[in-house]
Amino acid sequence: MLEIRSESYKAQIDAINKAHEDEIKKRDKIFNEYNKTLDKITKKYEEDKKELTNKKKKEIKDIVEKYHDDPDGLAREIADKFGFNYEE
């Protein structure tokens, strides 16, 4: 009888350990997927931010070319475009 209980307890402990290992593997897989996704989002954000910066640089260049003979007009246009306050 004692031997049967001992085997039963051993089987239960083995089942618990197996379940624990499976949970750890699932957790690690989820964590790895999270890190990969976060890296992709971060990279995409940096690319979009760089693209936006380049777009603003182009806009400023176009404004400067348009108002190259009118400094006040240039200042007003840049202020309006980018949310600055222009004061004479």
PDB file of N, CA and C in Angstrom:
ATOM      1  N   MET A   1       0.813  -1.180   0.000  1.00  0.00           N
ATOM      2  CA  MET A   1       0.000   0.000   0.000  1.00  0.00           C
ATOM      3  C   MET A   1       0.875   1.270   0.000  1.00  0.00           C
ATOM      4  N   LEU A   2       1.915   1.264   0.816  1.00  0.00           N
ATOM      5  CA  LEU A   2       2.824   2.405   0.894  1.00  0.00           C
ATOM      6  C   LEU A   2       3.526   2.632  -0.445  1.00  0.00           C
ATOM      7  N   GLU A   3       3.876   1.552  -1.108  1.00  0.00           N
ATOM      8  CA  GLU A   3       4.541   1.654  -2.408  1.00  0.00           C
ATOM      9  C   GLU A   3       3.611   2.257  -3.460  1.00  0.00           C
ATOM     10  N   ILE A   4       2.364   1.927  -3.425  1.00  0.00           N
ATOM     11  CA  ILE A   4       1.383   2.456  -4.377  1.00  0.00           C
ATOM     12  C   ILE A   4       1.220   3.973  -4.158  1.00  0.00           C
ATOM     13  N   ARG A   5       1.126   4.390  -2.902  1.00  0.00           N
ATOM     14  CA  ARG A   5       1.027   5.812  -2.593  1.00  0.00           C
ATOM     15  C   ARG A   5       2.280   6.562  -3.043  1.00  0.00           C
ATOM     16  N   SER A   6       3.415   5.988  -2.788  1.00  0.00           N
ATOM     17  CA  SER A   6       4.674   6.610  -3.184  1.00  0.00           C
ATOM     18  C   SER A   6       4.728   6.794  -4.697  1.00  0.00           C
ATOM     19  N   GLU A   7       4.322   5.782  -5.446  1.00  0.00           N
ATOM     20  CA  GLU A   7       4.297   5.875  -6.916  1.00  0.00           C
ATOM     21  C   GLU A   7       3.275   6.921  -7.364  1.00  0.00           C
ATOM     22  N   SER A   8       2.155   6.982  -6.682  1.00  0.00           N
ATOM     23  CA  SER A   8       1.119   7.960  -7.015  1.00  0.00           C
ATOM     24  C   SER A   8       1.640   9.382  -6.784  1.00  0.00           C
ATOM     25  N   TYR A   9       2.272   9.603  -5.635  1.00  0.00           N
ATOM     26  CA  TYR A   9       2.851  10.911  -5.350  1.00  0.00           C
ATOM     27  C   TYR A   9       3.929  11.282  -6.357  1.00  0.00           C
ATOM     28  N   LYS A  10       4.739  10.307  -6.711  1.00  0.00           N
ATOM     29  CA  LYS A  10       5.795  10.553  -7.701  1.00  0.00           C
ATOM     30  C   LYS A  10       5.176  10.932  -9.042  1.00  0.00           C
ATOM     31  N   ALA A  11       4.128  10.238  -9.445  1.00  0.00           N
ATOM     32  CA  ALA A  11       3.446  10.546 -10.703  1.00  0.00           C
ATOM     33  C   ALA A  11       2.844  11.947 -10.651  1.00  0.00           C
ATOM     34  N   GLN A  12       2.268  12.322  -9.521  1.00  0.00           N
ATOM     35  CA  GLN A  12       1.689  13.652  -9.378  1.00  0.00           C
ATOM     36  C   GLN A  12       2.777  14.730  -9.435  1.00  0.00           C
ATOM     37  N   ILE A  13       3.872  14.486  -8.763  1.00  0.00           N
ATOM     38  CA  ILE A  13       4.984  15.441  -8.785  1.00  0.00           C
ATOM     39  C   ILE A  13       5.540  15.574 -10.201  1.00  0.00           C
ATOM     40  N   ASP A  14       5.682  14.458 -10.897  1.00  0.00           N
ATOM     41  CA  ASP A  14       6.163  14.505 -12.284  1.00  0.00           C
ATOM     42  C   ASP A  14       5.204  15.307 -13.157  1.00  0.00           C
ATOM     43  N   ALA A  15       3.893  15.103 -12.966  1.00  0.00           N
ATOM     44  CA  ALA A  15       2.894  15.845 -13.745  1.00  0.00           C
ATOM     45  C   ALA A  15       2.970  17.342 -13.443  1.00  0.00           C
ATOM     46  N   ILE A  16       3.146  17.686 -12.181  1.00  0.00           N
ATOM     47  CA  ILE A  16       3.257  19.100 -11.789  1.00  0.00           C
ATOM     48  C   ILE A  16       4.519  19.717 -12.387  1.00  0.00           C
ATOM     49  N   ASN A  17       5.627  19.001 -12.310  1.00  0.00           N
ATOM     50  CA  ASN A  17       6.883  19.501 -12.888  1.00  0.00           C
ATOM     51  C   ASN A  17       6.773  19.680 -14.393  1.00  0.00           C
ATOM     52  N   LYS A  18       6.117  18.753 -15.067  1.00  0.00           N
ATOM     53  CA  LYS A  18       5.931  18.830 -16.523  1.00  0.00           C
ATOM     54  C   LYS A  18       5.072  20.053 -16.865  1.00  0.00           C
ATOM     55  N   ALA A  19       3.985  20.237 -16.108  1.00  0.00           N
ATOM     56  CA  ALA A  19       3.118  21.394 -16.340  1.00  0.00           C
ATOM     57  C   ALA A  19       3.886  22.695 -16.113  1.00  0.00           C
ATOM     58  N   HIS A  20       4.719  22.714 -15.105  1.00  0.00           N
ATOM     59  CA  HIS A  20       5.532  23.897 -14.804  1.00  0.00           C
ATOM     60  C   HIS A  20       6.506  24.186 -15.954  1.00  0.00           C
ATOM     61  N   GLU A  21       7.157  23.167 -16.447  1.00  0.00           N
ATOM     62  CA  GLU A  21       8.082  23.338 -17.580  1.00  0.00           C
ATOM     63  C   GLU A  21       7.339  23.865 -18.799  1.00  0.00           C
ATOM     64  N   ASP A  22       6.146  23.313 -19.060  1.00  0.00           N
ATOM     65  CA  ASP A  22       5.355  23.769 -20.202  1.00  0.00           C
ATOM     66  C   ASP A  22       4.973  25.237 -20.058  1.00  0.00           C
ATOM     67  N   GLU A  23       4.593  25.637 -18.863  1.00  0.00           N
ATOM     68  CA  GLU A  23       4.239  27.034 -18.611  1.00  0.00           C
ATOM     69  C   GLU A  23       5.434  27.955 -18.821  1.00  0.00           C
ATOM     70  N   ILE A  24       6.593  27.528 -18.371  1.00  0.00           N
ATOM     71  CA  ILE A  24       7.808  28.331 -18.554  1.00  0.00           C
ATOM     72  C   ILE A  24       8.129  28.474 -20.040  1.00  0.00           C
ATOM     73  N   LYS A  25       7.981  27.406 -20.802  1.00  0.00           N
ATOM     74  CA  LYS A  25       8.237  27.466 -22.245  1.00  0.00           C
ATOM     75  C   LYS A  25       7.255  28.409 -22.924  1.00  0.00           C
ATOM     76  N   LYS A  26       5.968  28.322 -22.541  1.00  0.00           N
ATOM     77  CA  LYS A  26       4.958  29.215 -23.120  1.00  0.00           C
ATOM     78  C   LYS A  26       5.271  30.677 -22.778  1.00  0.00           C
ATOM     79  N   ARG A  27       5.644  30.912 -21.509  1.00  0.00           N
ATOM     80  CA  ARG A  27       5.966  32.270 -21.074  1.00  0.00           C
ATOM     81  C   ARG A  27       7.157  32.818 -21.858  1.00  0.00           C
ATOM     82  N   ASP A  28       8.186  32.003 -22.024  1.00  0.00           N
ATOM     83  CA  ASP A  28       9.373  32.429 -22.767  1.00  0.00           C
ATOM     84  C   ASP A  28       9.038  32.723 -24.222  1.00  0.00           C
ATOM     85  N   LYS A  29       8.184  31.900 -24.817  1.00  0.00           N
ATOM     86  CA  LYS A  29       7.784  32.114 -26.214  1.00  0.00           C
ATOM     87  C   LYS A  29       7.026  33.440 -26.346  1.00  0.00           C
ATOM     88  N   ILE A  30       6.105  33.680 -25.426  1.00  0.00           N
ATOM     89  CA  ILE A  30       5.342  34.928 -25.443  1.00  0.00           C
ATOM     90  C   ILE A  30       6.272  36.120 -25.230  1.00  0.00           C
ATOM     91  N   PHE A  31       7.198  36.006 -24.310  1.00  0.00           N
ATOM     92  CA  PHE A  31       8.146  37.087 -24.038  1.00  0.00           C
ATOM     93  C   PHE A  31       9.004  37.376 -25.274  1.00  0.00           C
ATOM     94  N   ASN A  32       9.464  36.335 -25.957  1.00  0.00           N
ATOM     95  CA  ASN A  32      10.257  36.526 -27.174  1.00  0.00           C
ATOM     96  C   ASN A  32       9.444  37.205 -28.265  1.00  0.00           C
ATOM     97  N   GLU A  33       8.190  36.799 -28.428  1.00  0.00           N
ATOM     98  CA  GLU A  33       7.322  37.435 -29.424  1.00  0.00           C
ATOM     99  C   GLU A  33       7.087  38.901 -29.072  1.00  0.00           C
ATOM    100  N   TYR A  34       6.902  39.171 -27.797  1.00  0.00           N
ATOM    101  CA  TYR A  34       6.729  40.546 -27.339  1.00  0.00           C
ATOM    102  C   TYR A  34       7.949  41.384 -27.696  1.00  0.00           C
ATOM    103  N   ASN A  35       9.138  40.869 -27.411  1.00  0.00           N
ATOM    104  CA  ASN A  35      10.367  41.609 -27.715  1.00  0.00           C
ATOM    105  C   ASN A  35      10.529  41.846 -29.207  1.00  0.00           C
ATOM    106  N   LYS A  36      10.224  40.838 -30.025  1.00  0.00           N
ATOM    107  CA  LYS A  36      10.323  41.004 -31.479  1.00  0.00           C
ATOM    108  C   LYS A  36       9.356  42.071 -31.964  1.00  0.00           C
ATOM    109  N   THR A  37       8.123  42.018 -31.456  1.00  0.00           N
ATOM    110  CA  THR A  37       7.119  42.997 -31.866  1.00  0.00           C
ATOM    111  C   THR A  37       7.512  44.397 -31.428  1.00  0.00           C
ATOM    112  N   LEU A  38       7.995  44.520 -30.208  1.00  0.00           N
ATOM    113  CA  LEU A  38       8.445  45.816 -29.705  1.00  0.00           C
ATOM    114  C   LEU A  38       9.593  46.362 -30.545  1.00  0.00           C
ATOM    115  N   ASP A  39      10.529  45.515 -30.934  1.00  0.00           N
ATOM    116  CA  ASP A  39      11.640  45.942 -31.790  1.00  0.00           C
ATOM    117  C   ASP A  39      11.133  46.440 -33.133  1.00  0.00           C
ATOM    118  N   LYS A  40      10.161  45.729 -33.723  1.00  0.00           N
ATOM    119  CA  LYS A  40       9.598  46.139 -35.014  1.00  0.00           C
ATOM    120  C   LYS A  40       8.906  47.488 -34.897  1.00  0.00           C
ATOM    121  N   ILE A  41       8.133  47.652 -33.827  1.00  0.00           N
ATOM    122  CA  ILE A  41       7.417  48.917 -33.631  1.00  0.00           C
ATOM    123  C   ILE A  41       8.402  50.058 -33.420  1.00  0.00           C
ATOM    124  N   THR A  42       9.430  49.818 -32.635  1.00  0.00           N
ATOM    125  CA  THR A  42      10.442  50.853 -32.378  1.00  0.00           C
ATOM    126  C   THR A  42      11.153  51.247 -33.660  1.00  0.00           C
ATOM    127  N   LYS A  43      11.526  50.254 -34.461  1.00  0.00           N
ATOM    128  CA  LYS A  43      12.207  50.526 -35.729  1.00  0.00           C
ATOM    129  C   LYS A  43      11.297  51.319 -36.663  1.00  0.00           C
ATOM    130  N   LYS A  44      10.019  50.932 -36.744  1.00  0.00           N
ATOM    131  CA  LYS A  44       9.063  51.621 -37.610  1.00  0.00           C
ATOM    132  C   LYS A  44       8.875  53.064 -37.135  1.00  0.00           C
ATOM    133  N   TYR A  45       8.801  53.249 -35.819  1.00  0.00           N
ATOM    134  CA  TYR A  45       8.654  54.596 -35.259  1.00  0.00           C
ATOM    135  C   TYR A  45       9.840  55.468 -35.643  1.00  0.00           C
ATOM    136  N   GLU A  46      11.042  54.929 -35.491  1.00  0.00           N
ATOM    137  CA  GLU A  46      12.245  55.702 -35.825  1.00  0.00           C
ATOM    138  C   GLU A  46      12.268  56.055 -37.316  1.00  0.00           C
ATOM    139  N   GLU A  47      11.869  55.111 -38.175  1.00  0.00           N
ATOM    140  CA  GLU A  47      11.836  55.388 -39.618  1.00  0.00           C
ATOM    141  C   GLU A  47      10.811  56.473 -39.933  1.00  0.00           C
ATOM    142  N   ASP A  48       9.616  56.363 -39.318  1.00  0.00           N
ATOM    143  CA  ASP A  48       8.574  57.363 -39.554  1.00  0.00           C
ATOM    144  C   ASP A  48       8.995  58.735 -39.043  1.00  0.00           C
ATOM    145  N   LYS A  49       9.658  58.758 -37.879  1.00  0.00           N
ATOM    146  CA  LYS A  49      10.124  60.020 -37.305  1.00  0.00           C
ATOM    147  C   LYS A  49      11.163  60.663 -38.231  1.00  0.00           C
ATOM    148  N   LYS A  50      12.072  59.846 -38.761  1.00  0.00           N
ATOM    149  CA  LYS A  50      13.098  60.349 -39.674  1.00  0.00           C
ATOM    150  C   LYS A  50      12.447  60.877 -40.950  1.00  0.00           C
ATOM    151  N   GLU A  51      11.464  60.142 -41.451  1.00  0.00           N
ATOM    152  CA  GLU A  51      10.768  60.564 -42.660  1.00  0.00           C
ATOM    153  C   GLU A  51      10.049  61.881 -42.417  1.00  0.00           C
ATOM    154  N   LEU A  52       9.414  62.023 -41.266  1.00  0.00           N
ATOM    155  CA  LEU A  52       8.730  63.257 -40.931  1.00  0.00           C
ATOM    156  C   LEU A  52       9.714  64.412 -40.843  1.00  0.00           C
ATOM    157  N   THR A  53      10.855  64.177 -40.237  1.00  0.00           N
ATOM    158  CA  THR A  53      11.882  65.212 -40.139  1.00  0.00           C
ATOM    159  C   THR A  53      12.344  65.636 -41.528  1.00  0.00           C
ATOM    160  N   ASN A  54      12.571  64.669 -42.400  1.00  0.00           N
ATOM    161  CA  ASN A  54      12.975  64.995 -43.772  1.00  0.00           C
ATOM    162  C   ASN A  54      11.877  65.769 -44.490  1.00  0.00           C
ATOM    163  N   LYS A  55      10.623  65.406 -44.227  1.00  0.00           N
ATOM    164  CA  LYS A  55       9.505  66.113 -44.849  1.00  0.00           C
ATOM    165  C   LYS A  55       9.473  67.560 -44.375  1.00  0.00           C
ATOM    166  N   LYS A  56       9.679  67.787 -43.076  1.00  0.00           N
ATOM    167  CA  LYS A  56       9.689  69.157 -42.553  1.00  0.00           C
ATOM    168  C   LYS A  56      10.855  69.953 -43.134  1.00  0.00           C
ATOM    169  N   LYS A  57      12.011  69.314 -43.264  1.00  0.00           N
ATOM    170  CA  LYS A  57      13.162  69.992 -43.857  1.00  0.00           C
ATOM    171  C   LYS A  57      12.843  70.439 -45.276  1.00  0.00           C
ATOM    172  N   LYS A  58      12.164  69.568 -46.029  1.00  0.00           N
ATOM    173  CA  LYS A  58      11.795  69.908 -47.406  1.00  0.00           C
ATOM    174  C   LYS A  58      10.799  71.060 -47.414  1.00  0.00           C
ATOM    175  N   GLU A  59       9.830  71.019 -46.501  1.00  0.00           N
ATOM    176  CA  GLU A  59       8.861  72.113 -46.421  1.00  0.00           C
ATOM    177  C   GLU A  59       9.560  73.435 -46.124  1.00  0.00           C
ATOM    178  N   ILE A  60      10.488  73.419 -45.181  1.00  0.00           N
ATOM    179  CA  ILE A  60      11.226  74.646 -44.828  1.00  0.00           C
ATOM    180  C   ILE A  60      12.029  75.141 -46.024  1.00  0.00           C
ATOM    181  N   LYS A  61      12.668  74.214 -46.723  1.00  0.00           N
ATOM    182  CA  LYS A  61      13.448  74.595 -47.904  1.00  0.00           C
ATOM    183  C   LYS A  61      12.544  75.247 -48.945  1.00  0.00           C
ATOM    184  N   ASP A  62      11.371  74.654 -49.174  1.00  0.00           N
ATOM    185  CA  ASP A  62      10.435  75.221 -50.148  1.00  0.00           C
ATOM    186  C   ASP A  62       9.955  76.608 -49.727  1.00  0.00           C
ATOM    187  N   ILE A  63       9.700  76.777 -48.440  1.00  0.00           N
ATOM    188  CA  ILE A  63       9.258  78.080 -47.932  1.00  0.00           C
ATOM    189  C   ILE A  63      10.370  79.115 -48.097  1.00  0.00           C
ATOM    190  N   VAL A  64      11.586  78.739 -47.759  1.00  0.00           N
ATOM    191  CA  VAL A  64      12.719  79.661 -47.885  1.00  0.00           C
ATOM    192  C   VAL A  64      12.907  80.059 -49.346  1.00  0.00           C
ATOM    193  N   GLU A  65      12.796  79.108 -50.251  1.00  0.00           N
ATOM    194  CA  GLU A  65      12.935  79.429 -51.682  1.00  0.00           C
ATOM    195  C   GLU A  65      11.816  80.356 -52.143  1.00  0.00           C
ATOM    196  N   LYS A  66      10.610  80.131 -51.618  1.00  0.00           N
ATOM    197  CA  LYS A  66       9.459  80.943 -52.025  1.00  0.00           C
ATOM    198  C   LYS A  66       9.571  82.379 -51.502  1.00  0.00           C
ATOM    199  N   TYR A  67      10.073  82.544 -50.281  1.00  0.00           N
ATOM    200  CA  TYR A  67      10.129  83.859 -49.649  1.00  0.00           C
ATOM    201  C   TYR A  67      11.553  84.400 -49.531  1.00  0.00           C
ATOM    202  N   HIS A  68      12.440  84.026 -50.424  1.00  0.00           N
ATOM    203  CA  HIS A  68      13.841  84.440 -50.280  1.00  0.00           C
ATOM    204  C   HIS A  68      14.028  85.963 -50.340  1.00  0.00           C
ATOM    205  N   ASP A  69      13.114  86.681 -50.973  1.00  0.00           N
ATOM    206  CA  ASP A  69      13.216  88.147 -51.050  1.00  0.00           C
ATOM    207  C   ASP A  69      12.354  88.843 -50.005  1.00  0.00           C
ATOM    208  N   ASP A  70      11.629  88.100 -49.189  1.00  0.00           N
ATOM    209  CA  ASP A  70      10.695  88.693 -48.225  1.00  0.00           C
ATOM    210  C   ASP A  70      10.914  88.064 -46.842  1.00  0.00           C
ATOM    211  N   PRO A  71      11.862  88.613 -46.055  1.00  0.00           N
ATOM    212  CA  PRO A  71      12.165  88.033 -44.744  1.00  0.00           C
ATOM    213  C   PRO A  71      10.969  88.008 -43.797  1.00  0.00           C
ATOM    214  N   ASP A  72      10.141  89.087 -43.826  1.00  0.00           N
ATOM    215  CA  ASP A  72       8.962  89.107 -42.952  1.00  0.00           C
ATOM    216  C   ASP A  72       7.957  88.041 -43.378  1.00  0.00           C
ATOM    217  N   GLY A  73       7.763  87.904 -44.657  1.00  0.00           N
ATOM    218  CA  GLY A  73       6.855  86.859 -45.168  1.00  0.00           C
ATOM    219  C   GLY A  73       7.374  85.475 -44.815  1.00  0.00           C
ATOM    220  N   LEU A  74       8.676  85.310 -44.917  1.00  0.00           N
ATOM    221  CA  LEU A  74       9.302  84.040 -44.557  1.00  0.00           C
ATOM    222  C   LEU A  74       9.061  83.728 -43.080  1.00  0.00           C
ATOM    223  N   ALA A  75       9.272  84.711 -42.230  1.00  0.00           N
ATOM    224  CA  ALA A  75       9.082  84.517 -40.791  1.00  0.00           C
ATOM    225  C   ALA A  75       7.623  84.193 -40.475  1.00  0.00           C
ATOM    226  N   ARG A  76       6.687  84.933 -41.105  1.00  0.00           N
ATOM    227  CA  ARG A  76       5.260  84.671 -40.873  1.00  0.00           C
ATOM    228  C   ARG A  76       4.865  83.273 -41.348  1.00  0.00           C
ATOM    229  N   GLU A  77       5.325  82.891 -42.501  1.00  0.00           N
ATOM    230  CA  GLU A  77       4.975  81.571 -43.063  1.00  0.00           C
ATOM    231  C   GLU A  77       5.520  80.438 -42.191  1.00  0.00           C
ATOM    232  N   ILE A  78       6.753  80.546 -41.763  1.00  0.00           N
ATOM    233  CA  ILE A  78       7.329  79.512 -40.894  1.00  0.00           C
ATOM    234  C   ILE A  78       6.588  79.480 -39.554  1.00  0.00           C
ATOM    235  N   ALA A  79       6.254  80.647 -39.028  1.00  0.00           N
ATOM    236  CA  ALA A  79       5.507  80.704 -37.769  1.00  0.00           C
ATOM    237  C   ALA A  79       4.140  80.036 -37.924  1.00  0.00           C
ATOM    238  N   ASP A  80       3.450  80.349 -39.006  1.00  0.00           N
ATOM    239  CA  ASP A  80       2.131  79.744 -39.241  1.00  0.00           C
ATOM    240  C   ASP A  80       2.230  78.233 -39.459  1.00  0.00           C
ATOM    241  N   LYS A  81       3.198  77.845 -40.221  1.00  0.00           N
ATOM    242  CA  LYS A  81       3.343  76.434 -40.588  1.00  0.00           C
ATOM    243  C   LYS A  81       3.717  75.556 -39.412  1.00  0.00           C
ATOM    244  N   PHE A  82       4.548  76.052 -38.527  1.00  0.00           N
ATOM    245  CA  PHE A  82       5.090  75.212 -37.451  1.00  0.00           C
ATOM    246  C   PHE A  82       4.640  75.644 -36.050  1.00  0.00           C
ATOM    247  N   GLY A  83       3.674  76.577 -35.988  1.00  0.00           N
ATOM    248  CA  GLY A  83       3.089  76.916 -34.704  1.00  0.00           C
ATOM    249  C   GLY A  83       3.885  77.860 -33.819  1.00  0.00           C
ATOM    250  N   PHE A  84       4.734  78.672 -34.428  1.00  0.00           N
ATOM    251  CA  PHE A  84       5.493  79.660 -33.663  1.00  0.00           C
ATOM    252  C   PHE A  84       4.701  80.961 -33.610  1.00  0.00           C
ATOM    253  N   ASN A  85       5.070  81.831 -32.695  1.00  0.00           N
ATOM    254  CA  ASN A  85       4.470  83.170 -32.642  1.00  0.00           C
ATOM    255  C   ASN A  85       5.416  84.131 -33.366  1.00  0.00           C
ATOM    256  N   TYR A  86       4.860  84.870 -34.319  1.00  0.00           N
ATOM    257  CA  TYR A  86       5.665  85.849 -35.051  1.00  0.00           C
ATOM    258  C   TYR A  86       5.327  87.222 -34.528  1.00  0.00           C
ATOM    259  N   GLU A  87       6.346  87.959 -34.114  1.00  0.00           N
ATOM    260  CA  GLU A  87       6.167  89.323 -33.659  1.00  0.00           C
ATOM    261  C   GLU A  87       7.182  90.212 -34.374  1.00  0.00           C
ATOM    262  N   GLU A  88       6.693  91.321 -34.849  1.00  0.00           N
ATOM    263  CA  GLU A  88       7.579  92.259 -35.540  1.00  0.00           C
ATOM    264  C   GLU A  88       8.268  93.157 -34.560  1.00  0.00           C
TER     265      GLU A  88
END
